[in-house]
Amino acid sequence: MTSLRASLGSMDLNEKSNCGLTLKKTADKVKSKKLAIYTFIDAFGWEIYQQYGFLNKLLPHSRKLETTFGFSSAADPSILTGRYPDEHGHWSSFYYSPETSPFKHFNLLSLLPSRLFDRWRVRHILSKAIAKMNHYTGYFELYSVPFAKLPFFDYLEKHDYFVPGGILKTDTIFDWCVTNNIDYYCSNWRHTEESIIEENKKVIREGSIKMNYLYLPKLDGLMHNEGTQNPKVKAKIKWLEQQVNDVYDTARMHYDDVSLYVISDHGMADVTGSFDLIKQIENLGLIYGEDYIAMYDSTMARFWFKNESARQIITNELEEIEQGEIVSDEELAAMHVPHDDKKFGELFFLMNVGLLINPSYMGLSVIPGMHGYHPKDPHSYASILSNRPISVDINSITDIRKTMEFELSCDLHVENDHDLNRND
């Protein structure tokens, strides 16, 4: 049977990203010994699970998991590496770096009519063209960042971290599998959920992999657009239950023992209001680019300063705003935000749960659901469910990888030189 390392060895990173992880296997007709299935459901947080449940009889074990501060760009790498952002280097998509910005000439695009080029569909098409031109294999979106502001920023996720070698620092579970000659399959996140389900079942029927990473992202978008209480959310979760159960039944036909996990990166909060922070800052009379630079995410703003006067003026203004609060350097360190080089921000302002910055550089309208609030907020917590008992020391999304290595090491007797206590 060809090893995964051999089947990927002749492919470059871009090719691996375009095809997902296509395994060339010679499947036996008899049942294989064991398979561990990790089903990732984006935004299926603890509060969502508590309300709607999920395959409760099949998955009787569950734990609430603390997520990382920030968005999926921080949380997803933390799941795969088993480390926090200050170790693996991934946090926010945009960071301050005018010297390395791939958008240096984008200020010219600000002359184009905003009525057309601020539309999401137009921005999405433009984003795909830019990614292709720059050979980006990771998830890339311009969102609503003004063209005139883009030259101040670089983009972090240039490489697909769902393939070996795609993470900035440390390693992912996929790197670990390759190193230890463990055959696995990871979904191609670019495909539809319906295609992903069928592609995963096809590989499972071959009976040759030891781990299956099933990636199901659409619940997140649904709750962004509809909130958490819309009947469409309940219907979507029911559909996901049926699909995951079908994948599990398929695995049971081809493996003697199947461990099933459902994991998430964060939860979702219903939006209750918004605040025009951009206007508040612009009314201070400071000049963007000369006095300060700002990145206005949907739930937080990040600032860099060109002079101490601007720093003091903006800090004083933010301290008076009741809709959010400044996040101290001490708390950023406690939440493992990479902060030594200040590329992600010198000053962070976080909105109160349920409130959006609107308009923001992530979007120009208020939407019903959002995440990216404080990790300790009840709506932020992620979840892990399983048909296997879950250890009491699994408390963070960074602990999920411990369960992965345990599942694979127990079955294959692979020497596990990974420090399972590195998060202690």
Protein backbone atom coordinates (compact mmCIF):
# COMPACT_ATOMS: atom_id res chain seq x y z
CA MET A 1 0.00 0.00 0.00
CA THR A 2 1.47 3.34 -1.04
CA SER A 3 2.16 5.64 1.87
CA LEU A 4 0.68 9.13 2.01
CA ARG A 5 4.16 10.60 2.10
CA ALA A 6 5.03 8.85 -1.14
CA SER A 7 1.80 9.83 -2.85
CA LEU A 8 2.38 13.51 -1.97
CA GLY A 9 6.11 13.58 -2.48
CA SER A 10 6.08 14.53 -6.14
CA MET A 11 3.48 17.28 -5.72
CA ASP A 12 4.16 20.91 -4.89
CA LEU A 13 2.14 22.83 -2.31
CA ASN A 14 -0.09 24.48 -4.90
CA GLU A 15 -0.97 21.16 -6.52
CA LYS A 16 -1.79 19.61 -3.16
CA SER A 17 -4.09 22.49 -2.35
CA ASN A 18 -5.92 22.33 -5.63
CA CYS A 19 -6.70 18.64 -5.38
CA GLY A 20 -7.24 18.41 -1.63
CA LEU A 21 -5.48 15.28 -0.44
CA THR A 22 -6.08 12.67 -3.10
CA LEU A 23 -4.78 9.33 -1.87
CA LYS A 24 -3.64 6.70 -4.29
CA LYS A 25 -4.37 3.54 -2.38
CA THR A 26 -4.80 -0.13 -3.03
CA ALA A 27 -7.75 -1.03 -0.83
CA ASP A 28 -8.17 -4.52 0.56
CA LYS A 29 -11.55 -6.22 0.41
CA VAL A 30 -11.49 -7.04 4.11
CA LYS A 31 -12.25 -4.68 6.93
CA SER A 32 -9.41 -2.47 8.13
CA LYS A 33 -8.71 -2.27 11.81
CA LYS A 34 -9.52 1.25 12.98
CA LEU A 35 -10.53 4.69 11.73
CA ALA A 36 -10.72 7.98 13.63
CA ILE A 37 -13.16 10.47 12.07
CA TYR A 38 -12.87 14.13 13.07
CA THR A 39 -15.84 16.11 11.79
CA PHE A 40 -15.24 19.85 11.90
CA ILE A 41 -18.45 21.90 11.95
CA ASP A 42 -17.66 25.60 11.75
CA ALA A 43 -19.25 27.68 14.56
CA PHE A 44 -20.97 24.70 16.21
CA GLY A 45 -20.20 26.15 19.62
CA TRP A 46 -21.12 24.88 23.06
CA GLU A 47 -24.20 27.08 23.39
CA ILE A 48 -25.45 25.94 19.97
CA TYR A 49 -24.88 22.31 20.96
CA GLN A 50 -26.67 22.81 24.28
CA GLN A 51 -29.72 24.16 22.48
CA TYR A 52 -29.94 21.85 19.49
CA GLY A 53 -28.01 18.73 20.48
CA PHE A 54 -26.22 16.53 17.95
CA LEU A 55 -26.49 12.76 17.51
CA ASN A 56 -26.96 12.48 21.26
CA LYS A 57 -27.23 8.67 21.35
CA LEU A 58 -24.27 8.09 19.07
CA LEU A 59 -22.14 10.81 20.68
CA PRO A 60 -22.90 10.69 24.43
CA HIS A 61 -19.64 12.33 25.49
CA SER A 62 -19.08 16.08 25.19
CA ARG A 63 -16.97 18.90 26.60
CA LYS A 64 -16.97 22.67 26.40
CA LEU A 65 -13.77 24.08 24.90
CA GLU A 66 -12.29 27.53 25.25
CA THR A 67 -11.46 29.08 21.90
CA THR A 68 -8.77 31.57 20.95
CA PHE A 69 -9.20 35.34 20.88
CA GLY A 70 -9.91 36.51 17.35
CA PHE A 71 -11.47 34.74 14.40
CA SER A 72 -11.13 31.46 12.51
CA SER A 73 -7.77 32.62 11.16
CA ALA A 74 -6.48 32.07 14.72
CA ALA A 75 -8.72 29.22 15.87
CA ASP A 76 -8.38 26.77 12.99
CA PRO A 77 -4.55 26.69 13.04
CA SER A 78 -4.75 26.27 16.83
CA ILE A 79 -6.85 23.13 16.40
CA LEU A 80 -4.51 21.64 13.82
CA THR A 81 -1.26 22.50 15.61
CA GLY A 82 -2.43 21.98 19.18
CA ARG A 83 -0.77 25.30 19.98
CA TYR A 84 -1.80 28.90 20.54
CA PRO A 85 -1.32 31.74 18.03
CA ASP A 86 1.77 33.08 19.80
CA GLU A 87 3.41 29.75 18.93
CA HIS A 88 2.15 28.94 15.43
CA GLY A 89 2.10 32.58 14.24
CA HIS A 90 -1.40 32.71 12.75
CA TRP A 91 -3.81 35.26 14.16
CA SER A 92 -5.53 37.85 11.94
CA SER A 93 -5.68 37.78 8.14
CA PHE A 94 -4.47 41.38 7.74
CA TYR A 95 -1.44 42.76 9.55
CA TYR A 96 0.47 46.02 9.33
CA SER A 97 3.41 45.74 6.95
CA PRO A 98 3.53 48.40 4.22
CA GLU A 99 7.01 47.27 3.17
CA THR A 100 5.82 43.78 2.22
CA SER A 101 2.26 44.63 1.20
CA PRO A 102 1.11 42.91 -2.00
CA PHE A 103 -1.43 45.74 -2.36
CA LYS A 104 1.00 48.64 -2.85
CA HIS A 105 -0.75 49.99 -5.93
CA PHE A 106 -4.31 49.33 -4.80
CA ASN A 107 -4.84 52.94 -3.80
CA LEU A 108 -5.35 53.55 -7.52
CA LEU A 109 -8.42 51.33 -7.35
CA SER A 110 -9.99 53.78 -4.91
CA LEU A 111 -10.71 55.94 -7.96
CA LEU A 112 -13.18 53.32 -9.19
CA PRO A 113 -16.89 53.78 -8.38
CA SER A 114 -17.52 52.46 -4.86
CA ARG A 115 -21.13 51.74 -5.75
CA LEU A 116 -19.85 48.86 -7.87
CA PHE A 117 -16.54 47.84 -6.30
CA ASP A 118 -17.78 47.78 -2.71
CA ARG A 119 -20.25 45.03 -3.55
CA TRP A 120 -19.46 41.66 -1.96
CA ARG A 121 -19.76 39.68 -5.21
CA VAL A 122 -17.42 42.03 -7.07
CA ARG A 123 -14.93 41.95 -4.19
CA HIS A 124 -15.11 38.15 -4.10
CA ILE A 125 -14.37 37.84 -7.82
CA LEU A 126 -11.50 40.29 -7.47
CA SER A 127 -10.17 38.33 -4.49
CA LYS A 128 -10.11 35.10 -6.50
CA ALA A 129 -8.20 36.84 -9.29
CA ILE A 130 -5.63 38.28 -6.86
CA ALA A 131 -5.14 34.90 -5.16
CA LYS A 132 -4.54 33.21 -8.50
CA MET A 133 -2.16 35.93 -9.68
CA ASN A 134 -0.11 35.71 -6.47
CA HIS A 135 -0.30 31.90 -6.23
CA TYR A 136 -2.02 32.01 -2.85
CA THR A 137 -3.32 28.59 -1.83
CA GLY A 138 -4.86 29.61 1.50
CA TYR A 139 -8.21 31.27 2.08
CA PHE A 140 -8.07 34.81 0.68
CA GLU A 141 -10.67 37.59 0.76
CA LEU A 142 -10.39 41.36 0.46
CA TYR A 143 -13.65 41.76 2.39
CA SER A 144 -14.51 45.48 2.55
CA VAL A 145 -11.06 46.87 3.30
CA PRO A 146 -10.92 50.21 1.43
CA PHE A 147 -8.60 50.09 -1.55
CA ALA A 148 -6.82 53.21 -0.33
CA LYS A 149 -6.02 51.49 2.99
CA LEU A 150 -4.83 48.13 1.62
CA PRO A 151 -1.23 49.30 0.87
CA PHE A 152 -0.62 49.51 4.62
CA PHE A 153 -1.28 45.79 5.10
CA ASP A 154 0.03 42.36 4.18
CA TYR A 155 -2.07 39.20 4.15
CA LEU A 156 -1.14 36.30 6.43
CA GLU A 157 -2.85 33.20 5.05
CA LYS A 158 -0.99 32.84 1.76
CA HIS A 159 -0.57 29.08 2.09
CA ASP A 160 -3.11 26.33 2.73
CA TYR A 161 -2.45 25.03 6.24
CA PHE A 162 -4.68 22.00 5.64
CA VAL A 163 -1.82 20.41 3.69
CA PRO A 164 1.62 19.48 5.06
CA GLY A 165 4.03 22.40 5.18
CA GLY A 166 1.31 25.06 5.07
CA ILE A 167 1.57 26.41 8.61
CA LEU A 168 3.89 29.34 9.40
CA LYS A 169 5.54 27.82 12.49
CA THR A 170 5.54 24.48 14.32
CA ASP A 171 3.53 21.69 12.63
CA THR A 172 -0.04 20.49 12.12
CA ILE A 173 -1.58 17.09 12.74
CA PHE A 174 -1.22 16.48 9.00
CA ASP A 175 2.53 17.13 9.16
CA TRP A 176 2.67 14.73 12.10
CA CYS A 177 0.84 12.05 10.14
CA VAL A 178 3.24 12.36 7.22
CA THR A 179 6.26 12.20 9.54
CA ASN A 180 4.87 9.04 11.15
CA ASN A 181 3.70 7.41 7.89
CA ILE A 182 0.05 7.52 8.95
CA ASP A 183 -2.41 7.53 6.07
CA TYR A 184 -5.20 10.08 6.33
CA TYR A 185 -7.65 12.08 4.28
CA CYS A 186 -8.50 15.77 4.69
CA SER A 187 -11.48 17.33 2.93
CA ASN A 188 -10.98 19.95 0.24
CA TRP A 189 -12.51 23.03 1.86
CA ARG A 190 -13.11 24.66 -1.54
CA HIS A 191 -15.79 22.10 -2.45
CA THR A 192 -19.47 22.13 -1.54
CA GLU A 193 -20.53 20.26 1.58
CA GLU A 194 -22.45 17.78 -0.57
CA SER A 195 -19.31 17.04 -2.60
CA ILE A 196 -17.18 16.86 0.53
CA ILE A 197 -19.49 14.25 2.06
CA GLU A 198 -19.34 12.04 -1.02
CA GLU A 199 -15.59 12.47 -1.45
CA ASN A 200 -14.97 11.44 2.15
CA LYS A 201 -17.23 8.38 1.90
CA LYS A 202 -15.45 7.30 -1.28
CA VAL A 203 -12.07 7.38 0.45
CA ILE A 204 -13.45 5.65 3.53
CA ARG A 205 -14.77 2.79 1.36
CA GLU A 206 -11.20 2.14 0.22
CA GLY A 207 -10.41 1.16 3.81
CA SER A 208 -6.85 2.44 3.70
CA ILE A 209 -6.77 5.55 5.88
CA LYS A 210 -6.41 5.80 9.65
CA MET A 211 -7.79 9.33 10.09
CA ASN A 212 -10.49 11.25 8.25
CA TYR A 213 -10.81 15.04 8.68
CA LEU A 214 -14.32 15.89 7.51
CA TYR A 215 -14.70 19.64 6.98
CA LEU A 216 -18.22 21.12 7.06
CA PRO A 217 -18.17 24.95 7.09
CA LYS A 218 -21.62 26.16 6.03
CA LEU A 219 -23.35 26.39 9.42
CA ASP A 220 -21.15 29.38 10.19
CA GLY A 221 -22.36 31.33 7.17
CA LEU A 222 -25.98 30.43 7.82
CA MET A 223 -25.86 31.74 11.39
CA HIS A 224 -24.04 34.89 10.25
CA ASN A 225 -26.92 35.59 7.89
CA GLU A 226 -29.86 34.33 9.97
CA GLY A 227 -28.78 34.38 13.62
CA THR A 228 -28.79 31.37 15.91
CA GLN A 229 -32.56 31.07 16.48
CA ASN A 230 -33.83 30.96 12.92
CA PRO A 231 -35.63 27.68 12.00
CA LYS A 232 -33.14 27.28 9.16
CA VAL A 233 -30.42 26.68 11.77
CA LYS A 234 -32.32 23.77 13.33
CA ALA A 235 -32.97 22.31 9.88
CA LYS A 236 -29.30 22.67 8.93
CA ILE A 237 -28.13 20.91 12.10
CA LYS A 238 -30.58 18.08 11.44
CA TRP A 239 -29.17 17.76 7.92
CA LEU A 240 -25.64 17.70 9.32
CA GLU A 241 -26.65 14.96 11.76
CA GLN A 242 -27.91 12.84 8.89
CA GLN A 243 -24.75 13.36 6.85
CA VAL A 244 -22.36 12.64 9.72
CA ASN A 245 -24.34 9.56 10.69
CA ASP A 246 -24.18 8.36 7.07
CA VAL A 247 -20.41 8.83 7.00
CA TYR A 248 -20.14 6.92 10.28
CA ASP A 249 -22.29 4.05 8.96
CA THR A 250 -20.13 3.91 5.84
CA ALA A 251 -17.02 3.66 8.00
CA ARG A 252 -18.53 0.89 10.11
CA MET A 253 -18.93 -1.23 6.96
CA HIS A 254 -15.22 -0.99 6.17
CA TYR A 255 -13.53 -0.74 9.58
CA ASP A 256 -13.69 -2.88 12.71
CA ASP A 257 -13.50 0.11 15.05
CA VAL A 258 -14.58 3.69 14.33
CA SER A 259 -13.96 6.63 16.66
CA LEU A 260 -16.19 9.58 15.80
CA TYR A 261 -15.55 13.13 16.97
CA VAL A 262 -17.43 16.33 16.16
CA ILE A 263 -15.38 19.47 16.83
CA SER A 264 -15.74 23.21 16.33
CA ASP A 265 -13.56 26.30 16.40
CA HIS A 266 -15.87 28.76 18.12
CA GLY A 267 -19.53 29.59 18.71
CA MET A 268 -21.85 32.34 17.49
CA ALA A 269 -23.61 35.26 19.18
CA ASP A 270 -26.77 36.99 18.00
CA VAL A 271 -26.15 40.60 17.04
CA THR A 272 -28.14 43.14 19.05
CA GLY A 273 -26.73 46.43 17.72
CA SER A 274 -23.88 48.28 16.09
CA PHE A 275 -21.61 51.29 16.55
CA ASP A 276 -19.91 53.51 13.95
CA LEU A 277 -16.42 53.48 15.42
CA ILE A 278 -14.81 54.59 12.16
CA LYS A 279 -16.78 57.83 12.18
CA GLN A 280 -15.97 58.33 15.86
CA ILE A 281 -12.23 58.10 15.18
CA GLU A 282 -12.32 60.14 11.98
CA ASN A 283 -14.06 62.98 13.84
CA LEU A 284 -10.96 63.39 16.00
CA GLY A 285 -9.25 65.29 13.17
CA LEU A 286 -6.31 62.91 12.84
CA ILE A 287 -5.02 61.80 9.43
CA TYR A 288 -5.07 58.11 8.52
CA GLY A 289 -1.60 57.08 7.36
CA GLU A 290 0.13 60.12 8.84
CA ASP A 291 -1.03 59.99 12.45
CA TYR A 292 -2.39 56.46 12.76
CA ILE A 293 -3.37 53.31 10.87
CA ALA A 294 -6.38 51.21 11.82
CA MET A 295 -7.89 47.86 10.88
CA TYR A 296 -11.59 47.75 11.70
CA ASP A 297 -12.63 44.11 12.04
CA SER A 298 -16.29 43.32 12.72
CA THR A 299 -15.91 43.02 16.50
CA MET A 300 -12.61 44.74 17.20
CA ALA A 301 -10.40 47.56 16.01
CA ARG A 302 -6.63 47.50 15.92
CA PHE A 303 -4.48 50.63 15.83
CA TRP A 304 -0.89 51.56 14.99
CA PHE A 305 0.45 55.03 15.73
CA LYS A 306 2.84 57.37 13.93
CA ASN A 307 3.19 59.74 16.88
CA GLU A 308 2.49 59.83 20.60
CA SER A 309 -0.07 62.60 20.27
CA ALA A 310 -2.27 60.41 18.06
CA ARG A 311 -1.83 57.50 20.45
CA GLN A 312 -3.02 59.56 23.39
CA ILE A 313 -5.94 61.16 21.54
CA ILE A 314 -7.29 57.83 20.25
CA THR A 315 -6.69 56.05 23.57
CA ASN A 316 -8.59 58.74 25.44
CA GLU A 317 -11.47 58.51 22.98
CA LEU A 318 -11.69 54.72 23.19
CA GLU A 319 -11.71 54.82 27.00
CA GLU A 320 -14.93 56.87 26.85
CA ILE A 321 -16.80 54.51 24.53
CA GLU A 322 -19.27 52.34 26.44
CA GLN A 323 -19.86 49.88 23.56
CA GLY A 324 -16.48 48.21 24.06
CA GLU A 325 -13.17 48.37 25.87
CA ILE A 326 -9.44 48.44 25.29
CA VAL A 327 -7.74 45.06 25.68
CA SER A 328 -4.62 45.44 27.81
CA ASP A 329 -1.24 44.08 26.78
CA GLU A 330 -1.37 41.78 29.80
CA GLU A 331 -4.67 40.27 28.67
CA LEU A 332 -3.43 39.91 25.10
CA ALA A 333 -0.48 37.93 26.45
CA ALA A 334 -2.78 35.80 28.60
CA MET A 335 -4.86 35.05 25.49
CA HIS A 336 -1.70 34.09 23.57
CA VAL A 337 -2.03 36.80 20.92
CA PRO A 338 1.28 37.33 19.05
CA HIS A 339 2.14 40.82 20.22
CA ASP A 340 5.91 41.21 20.51
CA ASP A 341 6.39 42.77 17.07
CA LYS A 342 3.04 44.64 17.15
CA LYS A 343 2.29 43.67 13.55
CA PHE A 344 -1.26 42.69 14.50
CA GLY A 345 -1.78 45.94 16.41
CA GLU A 346 -0.37 48.26 19.04
CA LEU A 347 -3.76 48.98 20.61
CA PHE A 348 -6.78 46.65 20.54
CA PHE A 349 -10.38 47.71 21.12
CA LEU A 350 -12.98 44.93 21.56
CA MET A 351 -16.72 45.44 21.20
CA ASN A 352 -19.18 44.21 23.82
CA VAL A 353 -20.78 40.89 22.92
CA GLY A 354 -23.62 41.29 20.43
CA LEU A 355 -22.38 44.62 19.06
CA LEU A 356 -20.71 45.15 15.69
CA ILE A 357 -18.47 47.85 14.33
CA ASN A 358 -20.53 49.04 11.37
CA PRO A 359 -19.48 49.83 8.80
CA SER A 360 -16.24 47.88 9.19
CA TYR A 361 -13.48 46.62 6.94
CA MET A 362 -15.12 43.20 7.10
CA GLY A 363 -18.56 44.32 5.90
CA LEU A 364 -20.75 47.34 5.26
CA SER A 365 -24.00 46.19 6.85
CA VAL A 366 -25.19 44.73 10.15
CA ILE A 367 -25.68 40.96 10.03
CA PRO A 368 -27.67 38.82 12.52
CA GLY A 369 -24.86 36.65 13.88
CA MET A 370 -21.18 37.15 14.71
CA HIS A 371 -18.27 35.63 16.59
CA GLY A 372 -14.91 37.10 17.53
CA TYR A 373 -15.82 38.39 20.99
CA HIS A 374 -13.99 37.65 24.22
CA PRO A 375 -13.14 33.92 24.55
CA LYS A 376 -14.70 33.84 28.02
CA ASP A 377 -18.10 34.92 26.73
CA PRO A 378 -20.52 31.95 26.83
CA HIS A 379 -21.29 32.31 23.11
CA SER A 380 -17.60 32.00 22.21
CA TYR A 381 -16.95 28.50 23.53
CA ALA A 382 -16.33 25.68 21.07
CA SER A 383 -17.31 22.06 21.59
CA ILE A 384 -16.10 18.50 21.19
CA LEU A 385 -18.44 15.48 21.03
CA SER A 386 -17.52 11.83 20.70
CA ASN A 387 -18.57 8.21 20.93
CA ARG A 388 -15.43 7.80 23.05
CA PRO A 389 -14.93 9.12 26.59
CA ILE A 390 -13.20 12.52 26.57
CA SER A 391 -10.53 13.19 29.16
CA VAL A 392 -11.18 15.92 31.71
CA ASP A 393 -7.96 17.66 30.62
CA ILE A 394 -9.45 18.45 27.20
CA ASN A 395 -10.55 22.03 27.86
CA SER A 396 -9.34 24.11 24.93
CA ILE A 397 -9.42 23.82 21.15
CA THR A 398 -5.64 23.44 21.41
CA ASP A 399 -6.27 20.14 23.24
CA ILE A 400 -8.11 18.55 20.31
CA ARG A 401 -4.86 17.45 18.73
CA LYS A 402 -4.04 15.46 21.88
CA THR A 403 -7.05 13.28 21.17
CA MET A 404 -5.98 12.87 17.53
CA GLU A 405 -2.49 11.70 18.41
CA PHE A 406 -3.86 9.43 21.11
CA GLU A 407 -6.30 7.78 18.69
CA LEU A 408 -3.63 7.23 16.05
CA SER A 409 -0.80 6.24 18.37
CA CYS A 410 -2.86 3.63 20.24
CA ASP A 411 -3.83 1.82 17.07
CA LEU A 412 -0.60 2.05 15.10
CA HIS A 413 1.92 1.85 17.95
CA VAL A 414 3.63 4.93 16.55
CA GLU A 415 6.28 6.38 18.81
CA ASN A 416 4.71 9.63 19.94
CA ASP A 417 7.46 12.12 20.60
CA HIS A 418 4.98 14.97 20.80
CA ASP A 419 4.70 16.58 24.23
CA LEU A 420 1.07 16.09 25.20
CA ASN A 421 1.54 18.40 28.13
CA ARG A 422 2.92 21.36 26.18
CA ASN A 423 -0.22 23.41 26.85
CA ASP A 424 -0.05 22.96 30.60
